[in-house]
Amino acid sequence: MDVEKMLAELRRERESINDAILALERLASGRPRERGRPPKRASEVAKTDTARPSVSKDKRNTNTP
């Protein structure tokens, strides 16, 4: 087998492996894996952020005839 041909093939493989490593590193560093329940103070903050003010049924549809 020709040495130049072998080198070209190995370089292509190395490039493919480097691309795969890069992709895996990006996936790993993207966001940390969350495990378990959040601390109590974190869940209390989340409740207050997502809570909507209550609206009575009379005030919901003011545009209906």
N, C-alpha and C. Protein backbone atom coordinates (compact mmCIF):
# COMPACT_ATOMS: atom_id res chain seq x y z
N MET A 1 0.85 -1.18 0.00
CA MET A 1 0.00 0.00 0.00
C MET A 1 0.90 1.24 0.00
N ASP A 2 0.45 2.24 -0.70
CA ASP A 2 1.21 3.48 -0.85
C ASP A 2 1.19 4.26 0.47
N VAL A 3 2.34 4.73 0.90
CA VAL A 3 2.46 5.46 2.17
C VAL A 3 1.68 6.77 2.12
N GLU A 4 1.73 7.45 0.99
CA GLU A 4 1.00 8.71 0.85
C GLU A 4 -0.50 8.50 0.99
N LYS A 5 -0.98 7.41 0.43
CA LYS A 5 -2.40 7.07 0.52
C LYS A 5 -2.79 6.79 1.98
N MET A 6 -1.92 6.08 2.68
CA MET A 6 -2.18 5.77 4.08
C MET A 6 -2.22 7.04 4.92
N LEU A 7 -1.28 7.93 4.66
CA LEU A 7 -1.24 9.18 5.40
C LEU A 7 -2.50 10.01 5.16
N ALA A 8 -2.94 10.08 3.91
CA ALA A 8 -4.15 10.84 3.59
C ALA A 8 -5.37 10.26 4.31
N GLU A 9 -5.46 8.94 4.34
CA GLU A 9 -6.58 8.29 5.01
C GLU A 9 -6.54 8.54 6.52
N LEU A 10 -5.36 8.45 7.10
CA LEU A 10 -5.22 8.69 8.54
C LEU A 10 -5.54 10.14 8.90
N ARG A 11 -5.16 11.06 8.03
CA ARG A 11 -5.48 12.48 8.28
C ARG A 11 -6.99 12.71 8.24
N ARG A 12 -7.67 12.05 7.30
CA ARG A 12 -9.14 12.17 7.24
C ARG A 12 -9.78 11.61 8.51
N GLU A 13 -9.28 10.48 8.96
CA GLU A 13 -9.79 9.88 10.19
C GLU A 13 -9.55 10.78 11.39
N ARG A 14 -8.35 11.38 11.44
CA ARG A 14 -8.02 12.28 12.55
C ARG A 14 -8.96 13.47 12.56
N GLU A 15 -9.27 14.00 11.38
CA GLU A 15 -10.18 15.14 11.30
C GLU A 15 -11.58 14.75 11.77
N SER A 16 -12.03 13.58 11.38
CA SER A 16 -13.34 13.09 11.82
C SER A 16 -13.38 12.91 13.34
N ILE A 17 -12.32 12.36 13.87
CA ILE A 17 -12.25 12.15 15.32
C ILE A 17 -12.23 13.49 16.05
N ASN A 18 -11.47 14.45 15.53
CA ASN A 18 -11.44 15.78 16.15
C ASN A 18 -12.81 16.43 16.12
N ASP A 19 -13.53 16.29 15.02
CA ASP A 19 -14.88 16.84 14.93
C ASP A 19 -15.81 16.20 15.96
N ALA A 20 -15.70 14.90 16.11
CA ALA A 20 -16.53 14.19 17.08
C ALA A 20 -16.20 14.63 18.50
N ILE A 21 -14.94 14.80 18.80
CA ILE A 21 -14.52 15.25 20.13
C ILE A 21 -15.06 16.65 20.41
N LEU A 22 -14.95 17.52 19.43
CA LEU A 22 -15.46 18.89 19.58
C LEU A 22 -16.96 18.89 19.87
N ALA A 23 -17.70 18.09 19.12
CA ALA A 23 -19.15 18.03 19.31
C ALA A 23 -19.49 17.52 20.71
N LEU A 24 -18.79 16.51 21.17
CA LEU A 24 -19.05 15.97 22.50
C LEU A 24 -18.67 16.97 23.59
N GLU A 25 -17.58 17.70 23.39
CA GLU A 25 -17.19 18.72 24.37
C GLU A 25 -18.23 19.83 24.45
N ARG A 26 -18.79 20.22 23.32
CA ARG A 26 -19.84 21.24 23.33
C ARG A 26 -21.08 20.75 24.05
N LEU A 27 -21.44 19.49 23.82
CA LEU A 27 -22.59 18.93 24.52
C LEU A 27 -22.36 18.87 26.02
N ALA A 28 -21.18 18.49 26.40
CA ALA A 28 -20.86 18.34 27.82
C ALA A 28 -20.83 19.69 28.53
N SER A 29 -20.39 20.73 27.88
CA SER A 29 -20.27 22.04 28.52
C SER A 29 -21.53 22.88 28.37
N GLY A 30 -22.48 22.42 27.57
CA GLY A 30 -23.68 23.21 27.30
C GLY A 30 -24.46 23.57 28.54
N ARG A 31 -24.94 22.60 29.28
CA ARG A 31 -25.66 22.89 30.51
C ARG A 31 -25.41 21.74 31.48
N PRO A 32 -25.21 22.10 32.72
CA PRO A 32 -24.94 21.05 33.69
C PRO A 32 -26.20 20.23 33.97
N ARG A 33 -26.00 19.01 34.28
CA ARG A 33 -27.12 18.13 34.57
C ARG A 33 -27.66 18.44 35.95
N GLU A 34 -28.95 18.70 36.03
CA GLU A 34 -29.58 19.00 37.30
C GLU A 34 -30.03 17.70 37.95
N ARG A 35 -29.69 17.53 39.19
CA ARG A 35 -30.04 16.31 39.89
C ARG A 35 -30.79 16.64 41.16
N GLY A 36 -31.81 15.87 41.44
CA GLY A 36 -32.54 16.00 42.70
C GLY A 36 -33.47 17.20 42.74
N ARG A 37 -34.02 17.42 43.91
CA ARG A 37 -34.94 18.54 44.11
C ARG A 37 -34.16 19.83 44.31
N PRO A 38 -34.72 20.95 43.90
CA PRO A 38 -34.05 22.22 44.17
C PRO A 38 -34.18 22.56 45.65
N PRO A 39 -33.31 23.40 46.18
CA PRO A 39 -33.43 23.80 47.57
C PRO A 39 -34.76 24.51 47.80
N LYS A 40 -35.22 24.52 49.04
CA LYS A 40 -36.53 25.10 49.36
C LYS A 40 -36.61 26.56 48.93
N ARG A 41 -35.57 27.32 49.15
CA ARG A 41 -35.62 28.75 48.79
C ARG A 41 -35.74 28.94 47.28
N ALA A 42 -35.17 28.05 46.48
CA ALA A 42 -35.27 28.16 45.03
C ALA A 42 -36.68 27.86 44.57
N SER A 43 -37.34 26.90 45.20
CA SER A 43 -38.70 26.57 44.78
C SER A 43 -39.68 27.68 45.19
N GLU A 44 -39.41 28.36 46.31
CA GLU A 44 -40.27 29.48 46.72
C GLU A 44 -40.15 30.64 45.76
N VAL A 45 -38.95 30.92 45.29
CA VAL A 45 -38.74 32.00 44.32
C VAL A 45 -39.45 31.67 43.01
N ALA A 46 -39.38 30.42 42.59
CA ALA A 46 -40.02 30.02 41.33
C ALA A 46 -41.53 30.18 41.43
N LYS A 47 -42.11 29.89 42.58
CA LYS A 47 -43.56 30.03 42.73
C LYS A 47 -43.99 31.48 42.61
N THR A 48 -43.22 32.40 43.20
CA THR A 48 -43.61 33.80 43.16
C THR A 48 -43.40 34.40 41.78
N ASP A 49 -42.42 33.89 41.03
CA ASP A 49 -42.17 34.42 39.69
C ASP A 49 -43.27 34.01 38.70
N THR A 50 -43.80 32.80 38.85
CA THR A 50 -44.76 32.32 37.87
C THR A 50 -46.20 32.57 38.27
N ALA A 51 -46.42 33.00 39.50
CA ALA A 51 -47.78 33.22 39.97
C ALA A 51 -48.41 34.40 39.23
N ARG A 52 -49.66 34.22 38.79
CA ARG A 52 -50.37 35.30 38.12
C ARG A 52 -51.40 35.87 39.07
N PRO A 53 -51.66 37.14 38.97
CA PRO A 53 -52.69 37.71 39.84
C PRO A 53 -54.05 37.13 39.46
N SER A 54 -54.86 36.90 40.47
CA SER A 54 -56.18 36.34 40.19
C SER A 54 -57.08 37.43 39.63
N VAL A 55 -57.89 37.05 38.66
CA VAL A 55 -58.82 37.97 38.01
C VAL A 55 -60.21 37.37 38.14
N SER A 56 -61.15 38.19 38.57
CA SER A 56 -62.50 37.67 38.72
C SER A 56 -63.11 37.38 37.35
N LYS A 57 -64.11 36.52 37.31
CA LYS A 57 -64.73 36.15 36.05
C LYS A 57 -65.40 37.35 35.38
N ASP A 58 -65.85 38.30 36.15
CA ASP A 58 -66.52 39.47 35.57
C ASP A 58 -65.55 40.35 34.79
N LYS A 59 -64.31 40.40 35.19
CA LYS A 59 -63.35 41.29 34.55
C LYS A 59 -62.60 40.64 33.40
N ARG A 60 -62.76 39.34 33.19
CA ARG A 60 -62.02 38.67 32.12
C ARG A 60 -62.49 39.09 30.74
N ASN A 61 -63.75 39.03 30.47
CA ASN A 61 -64.27 39.31 29.14
C ASN A 61 -65.05 40.63 29.16
N THR A 62 -64.35 41.72 29.08
CA THR A 62 -65.01 43.03 29.08
C THR A 62 -65.39 43.45 27.69
N ASN A 63 -64.88 42.78 26.65
CA ASN A 63 -65.17 43.17 25.27
C ASN A 63 -66.33 42.43 24.65
N THR A 64 -66.94 41.50 25.34
CA THR A 64 -68.05 40.75 24.75
C THR A 64 -69.32 41.57 24.80
N PRO A 65 -70.16 41.49 23.75
CA PRO A 65 -71.39 42.28 23.71
C PRO A 65 -72.47 41.77 24.62
